Amino acid sequence: MPDVLPQRRMLPTLLLLVAAASWGGNWVAARAVYLDVPPFALVFWRWALAAALIFPFAAAQLREDAPLIRRHLPALAAFGVIGTAGFTMFGYWGIRYTTAINATLLNASLLLLLAGALLWAIYTVLLKWRPPIQPLSFVFFTVAAGAAFSLPFYLGEIAAGATMVVSPKTAVAIGYLAVFPSVVAYICWNRAVPIVGPNVAGFFNPVIPVFGTLFAVVLLDERLALYHLAGFALVLGGVVLTSKR
């Protein structure tokens, strides 16, 4: 019996860590192609491809959940706008003006990134009241809603003359964004938050900069500063203290 509680904590902890690692790479991939892919194009293709990847696996659940989806359509659309499209639209717009390391740390001067972070916090809290549909149905619908919401912004970007460079580099970056931060991370996060609650899950957000910084240093050759290390010490110390409460 004494071992049951640690075992129950292990799965959601692993799920939250996988989500954090996937999202840490999100900003690095976006920063790697910010000169080649405009922000709204990156948002649209990320979520459109993610929806296409999820659909074959979610189709059966979507059929079973169709009556509930129709009943909770406004709420599901709101989850998609807040937690997928809105969050990433602000984030990818803001990352054009900073480094991947600062994006993962959410530098206080970067208002666009902070706006995205606020939307993500709202999404996490609202998960407590998510409609009672199956996990893949929920992920697919919110991802598809994110793609649909971002489409007018993408078309406006094209009308304004913005162009996207199609190359192996941009294909790999968008492919990563469509699979790991969009599918893997959301499934892990949405599964873990109802178990541990949004308050506990929120303490894993500071782990995202750790993964993001490691990826940025290795892949983008960005440099660490002393204030980055000081920030890591503070946030990780907070995570450790919270985990012992």
Protein backbone atom coordinates (compact mmCIF):
# COMPACT_ATOMS: atom_id res chain seq x y z
CA MET A 1 0.00 0.00 0.00
CA PRO A 2 2.71 2.59 0.79
CA ASP A 3 3.97 2.28 -2.79
CA VAL A 4 0.60 2.98 -4.43
CA LEU A 5 0.69 6.78 -4.13
CA PRO A 6 4.17 7.23 -5.66
CA GLN A 7 3.15 4.93 -8.50
CA ARG A 8 0.02 6.99 -9.12
CA ARG A 9 2.11 10.17 -9.19
CA MET A 10 4.67 8.70 -11.57
CA LEU A 11 2.48 8.52 -14.69
CA PRO A 12 1.16 12.11 -14.60
CA THR A 13 4.66 13.35 -13.73
CA LEU A 14 6.12 11.59 -16.77
CA LEU A 15 3.30 12.90 -18.95
CA LEU A 16 3.91 16.47 -17.77
CA LEU A 17 7.66 16.13 -18.39
CA VAL A 18 7.07 14.83 -21.93
CA ALA A 19 4.74 17.77 -22.55
CA ALA A 20 7.30 20.22 -21.15
CA ALA A 21 10.08 18.81 -23.33
CA SER A 22 7.89 18.97 -26.43
CA TRP A 23 6.91 22.56 -25.73
CA GLY A 24 10.49 23.51 -24.96
CA GLY A 25 11.37 22.47 -28.50
CA ASN A 26 8.38 24.43 -29.82
CA TRP A 27 10.05 27.82 -29.45
CA VAL A 28 13.35 26.54 -30.80
CA ALA A 29 11.73 25.18 -33.96
CA ALA A 30 9.76 28.40 -34.45
CA ARG A 31 12.85 30.55 -33.96
CA ALA A 32 14.86 28.40 -36.38
CA VAL A 33 12.53 29.29 -39.28
CA TYR A 34 11.27 32.76 -38.31
CA LEU A 35 12.98 34.34 -41.33
CA ASP A 36 11.49 31.74 -43.70
CA VAL A 37 7.95 31.27 -42.35
CA PRO A 38 5.71 34.19 -41.30
CA PRO A 39 4.10 33.74 -37.86
CA PHE A 40 0.49 33.16 -38.94
CA ALA A 41 1.57 30.75 -41.67
CA LEU A 42 3.46 28.79 -39.01
CA VAL A 43 0.40 28.73 -36.75
CA PHE A 44 -1.96 27.60 -39.50
CA TRP A 45 0.23 24.84 -40.94
CA ARG A 46 1.14 23.57 -37.49
CA TRP A 47 -2.48 23.05 -36.48
CA ALA A 48 -3.79 22.01 -39.91
CA LEU A 49 -1.18 19.26 -40.22
CA ALA A 50 -1.72 18.21 -36.59
CA ALA A 51 -5.47 17.88 -37.24
CA ALA A 52 -4.78 15.75 -40.32
CA LEU A 53 -2.46 13.50 -38.29
CA ILE A 54 -4.91 13.06 -35.43
CA PHE A 55 -8.07 12.49 -37.50
CA PRO A 56 -7.52 8.82 -38.48
CA PHE A 57 -6.98 7.91 -34.82
CA ALA A 58 -9.80 10.11 -33.53
CA ALA A 59 -12.45 9.24 -36.14
CA ALA A 60 -14.11 6.47 -34.10
CA GLN A 61 -14.25 8.59 -30.95
CA LEU A 62 -15.60 11.56 -32.94
CA ARG A 63 -18.48 9.43 -34.23
CA GLU A 64 -19.31 8.22 -30.72
CA ASP A 65 -19.05 11.73 -29.28
CA ALA A 66 -20.97 13.51 -32.06
CA PRO A 67 -24.04 14.34 -29.90
CA LEU A 68 -21.85 15.71 -27.09
CA ILE A 69 -19.72 17.68 -29.55
CA ARG A 70 -22.83 19.36 -30.99
CA ARG A 71 -24.08 20.12 -27.48
CA HIS A 72 -20.77 21.64 -26.34
CA LEU A 73 -19.70 23.21 -29.64
CA PRO A 74 -19.16 26.78 -28.31
CA ALA A 75 -17.06 25.54 -25.39
CA LEU A 76 -14.93 23.31 -27.63
CA ALA A 77 -14.38 26.16 -30.07
CA ALA A 78 -13.29 28.39 -27.18
CA PHE A 79 -10.75 25.79 -26.05
CA GLY A 80 -9.37 25.75 -29.60
CA VAL A 81 -9.17 29.53 -29.89
CA ILE A 82 -7.59 30.05 -26.46
CA GLY A 83 -5.36 27.00 -26.04
CA THR A 84 -4.14 26.41 -29.59
CA ALA A 85 -4.55 29.30 -32.05
CA GLY A 86 -4.43 32.29 -29.69
CA PHE A 87 -1.57 30.98 -27.57
CA THR A 88 0.66 30.24 -30.57
CA MET A 89 -0.30 33.31 -32.61
CA PHE A 90 0.96 35.61 -29.88
CA GLY A 91 3.97 33.38 -29.24
CA TYR A 92 5.17 33.07 -32.84
CA TRP A 93 4.59 36.76 -33.45
CA GLY A 94 6.63 37.63 -30.38
CA ILE A 95 9.48 35.21 -31.07
CA ARG A 96 10.42 37.15 -34.21
CA TYR A 97 11.77 39.83 -31.89
CA THR A 98 13.70 37.77 -29.36
CA THR A 99 15.80 34.62 -28.95
CA ALA A 100 14.47 31.12 -28.38
CA ILE A 101 15.96 31.11 -24.86
CA ASN A 102 14.17 34.33 -23.91
CA ALA A 103 10.96 33.01 -25.45
CA THR A 104 11.04 29.93 -23.23
CA LEU A 105 11.77 32.11 -20.21
CA LEU A 106 8.95 34.53 -21.07
CA ASN A 107 11.03 37.69 -20.59
CA ALA A 108 8.80 40.21 -18.81
CA SER A 109 9.37 42.89 -21.48
CA LEU A 110 7.93 40.72 -24.24
CA LEU A 111 4.26 41.61 -24.14
CA LEU A 112 3.28 39.36 -27.03
CA LEU A 113 4.75 36.31 -25.36
CA LEU A 114 3.15 37.26 -22.07
CA ALA A 115 -0.22 37.53 -23.79
CA GLY A 116 0.27 34.00 -25.12
CA ALA A 117 1.28 32.79 -21.67
CA LEU A 118 -1.88 34.32 -20.20
CA LEU A 119 -4.04 32.46 -22.71
CA TRP A 120 -2.24 29.21 -21.88
CA ALA A 121 -2.85 29.74 -18.16
CA ILE A 122 -6.55 30.29 -18.85
CA TYR A 123 -6.67 27.14 -20.99
CA THR A 124 -5.05 25.06 -18.24
CA VAL A 125 -7.50 26.27 -15.60
CA LEU A 126 -10.48 25.72 -17.90
CA LEU A 127 -9.49 22.09 -18.48
CA LYS A 128 -11.20 21.36 -15.17
CA TRP A 129 -14.50 22.07 -16.95
CA ARG A 130 -13.71 20.55 -20.34
CA PRO A 131 -16.70 18.92 -22.09
CA PRO A 132 -17.10 15.22 -21.26
CA ILE A 133 -15.87 13.82 -24.57
CA GLN A 134 -13.12 11.27 -25.17
CA PRO A 135 -9.47 12.43 -25.20
CA LEU A 136 -8.77 12.14 -28.92
CA SER A 137 -12.08 13.77 -29.79
CA PHE A 138 -11.17 16.71 -27.56
CA VAL A 139 -7.65 17.09 -28.93
CA PHE A 140 -8.78 16.80 -32.55
CA PHE A 141 -11.61 19.30 -32.20
CA THR A 142 -9.52 21.91 -30.38
CA VAL A 143 -6.65 21.51 -32.86
CA ALA A 144 -9.01 21.77 -35.83
CA ALA A 145 -10.65 24.82 -34.27
CA GLY A 146 -7.21 26.38 -33.88
CA ALA A 147 -6.45 25.81 -37.55
CA ALA A 148 -9.82 27.25 -38.61
CA PHE A 149 -9.43 30.33 -36.39
CA SER A 150 -5.91 31.05 -37.67
CA LEU A 151 -6.82 30.66 -41.37
CA PRO A 152 -8.16 34.23 -41.89
CA PHE A 153 -4.99 35.65 -40.30
CA TYR A 154 -2.85 33.46 -42.57
CA LEU A 155 -4.79 34.60 -45.65
CA GLY A 156 -4.40 38.21 -44.54
CA GLU A 157 -0.68 37.64 -44.19
CA ILE A 158 -0.54 36.33 -47.76
CA ALA A 159 -2.58 39.29 -49.01
CA ALA A 160 -0.08 41.62 -47.34
CA GLY A 161 2.74 40.05 -49.37
CA ALA A 162 4.27 37.67 -46.83
CA THR A 163 5.74 34.50 -48.34
CA MET A 164 6.84 31.17 -46.90
CA VAL A 165 10.04 29.47 -48.01
CA VAL A 166 9.51 25.76 -48.60
CA SER A 167 12.73 23.88 -47.87
CA PRO A 168 13.92 20.78 -45.96
CA LYS A 169 14.60 23.04 -42.97
CA THR A 170 11.10 24.51 -42.85
CA ALA A 171 9.51 21.11 -43.56
CA VAL A 172 11.34 19.53 -40.60
CA ALA A 173 10.48 22.43 -38.30
CA ILE A 174 6.77 22.43 -39.21
CA GLY A 175 6.68 18.63 -39.02
CA TYR A 176 8.14 18.75 -35.51
CA LEU A 177 5.62 21.43 -34.49
CA ALA A 178 2.72 19.41 -35.90
CA VAL A 179 3.68 16.20 -34.07
CA PHE A 180 5.32 16.92 -30.72
CA PRO A 181 4.05 20.26 -29.33
CA SER A 182 0.66 19.84 -31.05
CA VAL A 183 -0.26 16.18 -30.64
CA VAL A 184 2.05 14.45 -28.16
CA ALA A 185 2.25 17.33 -25.68
CA TYR A 186 -1.47 18.13 -25.71
CA ILE A 187 -2.47 14.50 -25.20
CA CYS A 188 -0.01 14.19 -22.29
CA TRP A 189 -1.03 17.51 -20.72
CA ASN A 190 -4.77 16.95 -21.09
CA ARG A 191 -4.40 13.49 -19.55
CA ALA A 192 -2.28 14.62 -16.59
CA VAL A 193 -4.02 17.87 -15.58
CA PRO A 194 -7.32 16.24 -14.50
CA ILE A 195 -5.31 13.83 -12.33
CA VAL A 196 -3.02 16.29 -10.54
CA GLY A 197 -5.05 19.49 -10.96
CA PRO A 198 -4.09 22.76 -12.68
CA ASN A 199 -2.21 24.09 -9.66
CA VAL A 200 0.24 21.18 -9.57
CA ALA A 201 0.51 21.04 -13.36
CA GLY A 202 1.35 24.74 -13.40
CA PHE A 203 4.54 24.07 -11.48
CA PHE A 204 5.83 22.09 -14.47
CA ASN A 205 5.69 25.16 -16.69
CA PRO A 206 9.10 26.34 -15.40
CA VAL A 207 10.59 23.05 -16.68
CA ILE A 208 9.82 24.14 -20.25
CA PRO A 209 12.65 26.74 -20.28
CA VAL A 210 15.13 24.10 -19.14
CA PHE A 211 14.39 21.88 -22.14
CA GLY A 212 14.03 24.87 -24.46
CA THR A 213 17.38 26.30 -23.44
CA LEU A 214 19.18 22.99 -23.90
CA PHE A 215 17.70 22.67 -27.39
CA ALA A 216 18.50 26.31 -28.26
CA VAL A 217 22.11 26.05 -27.13
CA VAL A 218 22.68 22.80 -29.02
CA LEU A 219 20.66 23.47 -32.18
CA LEU A 220 20.70 27.27 -32.59
CA ASP A 221 24.08 28.02 -30.99
CA GLU A 222 22.48 30.55 -28.64
CA ARG A 223 24.43 31.63 -25.58
CA LEU A 224 23.54 31.41 -21.94
CA ALA A 225 23.85 34.43 -19.66
CA LEU A 226 24.22 34.44 -15.90
CA TYR A 227 20.69 35.76 -15.45
CA HIS A 228 19.38 32.74 -17.37
CA LEU A 229 21.15 30.40 -14.94
CA ALA A 230 19.86 32.40 -11.97
CA GLY A 231 16.35 32.11 -13.35
CA PHE A 232 16.73 28.36 -13.76
CA ALA A 233 17.89 28.00 -10.17
CA LEU A 234 14.86 29.90 -8.89
CA VAL A 235 12.21 28.14 -10.95
CA LEU A 236 13.64 24.65 -10.47
CA GLY A 237 14.02 25.29 -6.76
CA GLY A 238 10.35 26.22 -6.67
CA VAL A 239 9.41 23.00 -8.47
CA VAL A 240 11.42 20.91 -6.01
CA LEU A 241 9.94 22.64 -2.98
CA THR A 242 6.43 22.28 -4.34
CA SER A 243 6.86 18.58 -5.11
CA LYS A 244 7.72 17.95 -1.43
CA ARG A 245 4.61 19.65 -0.06
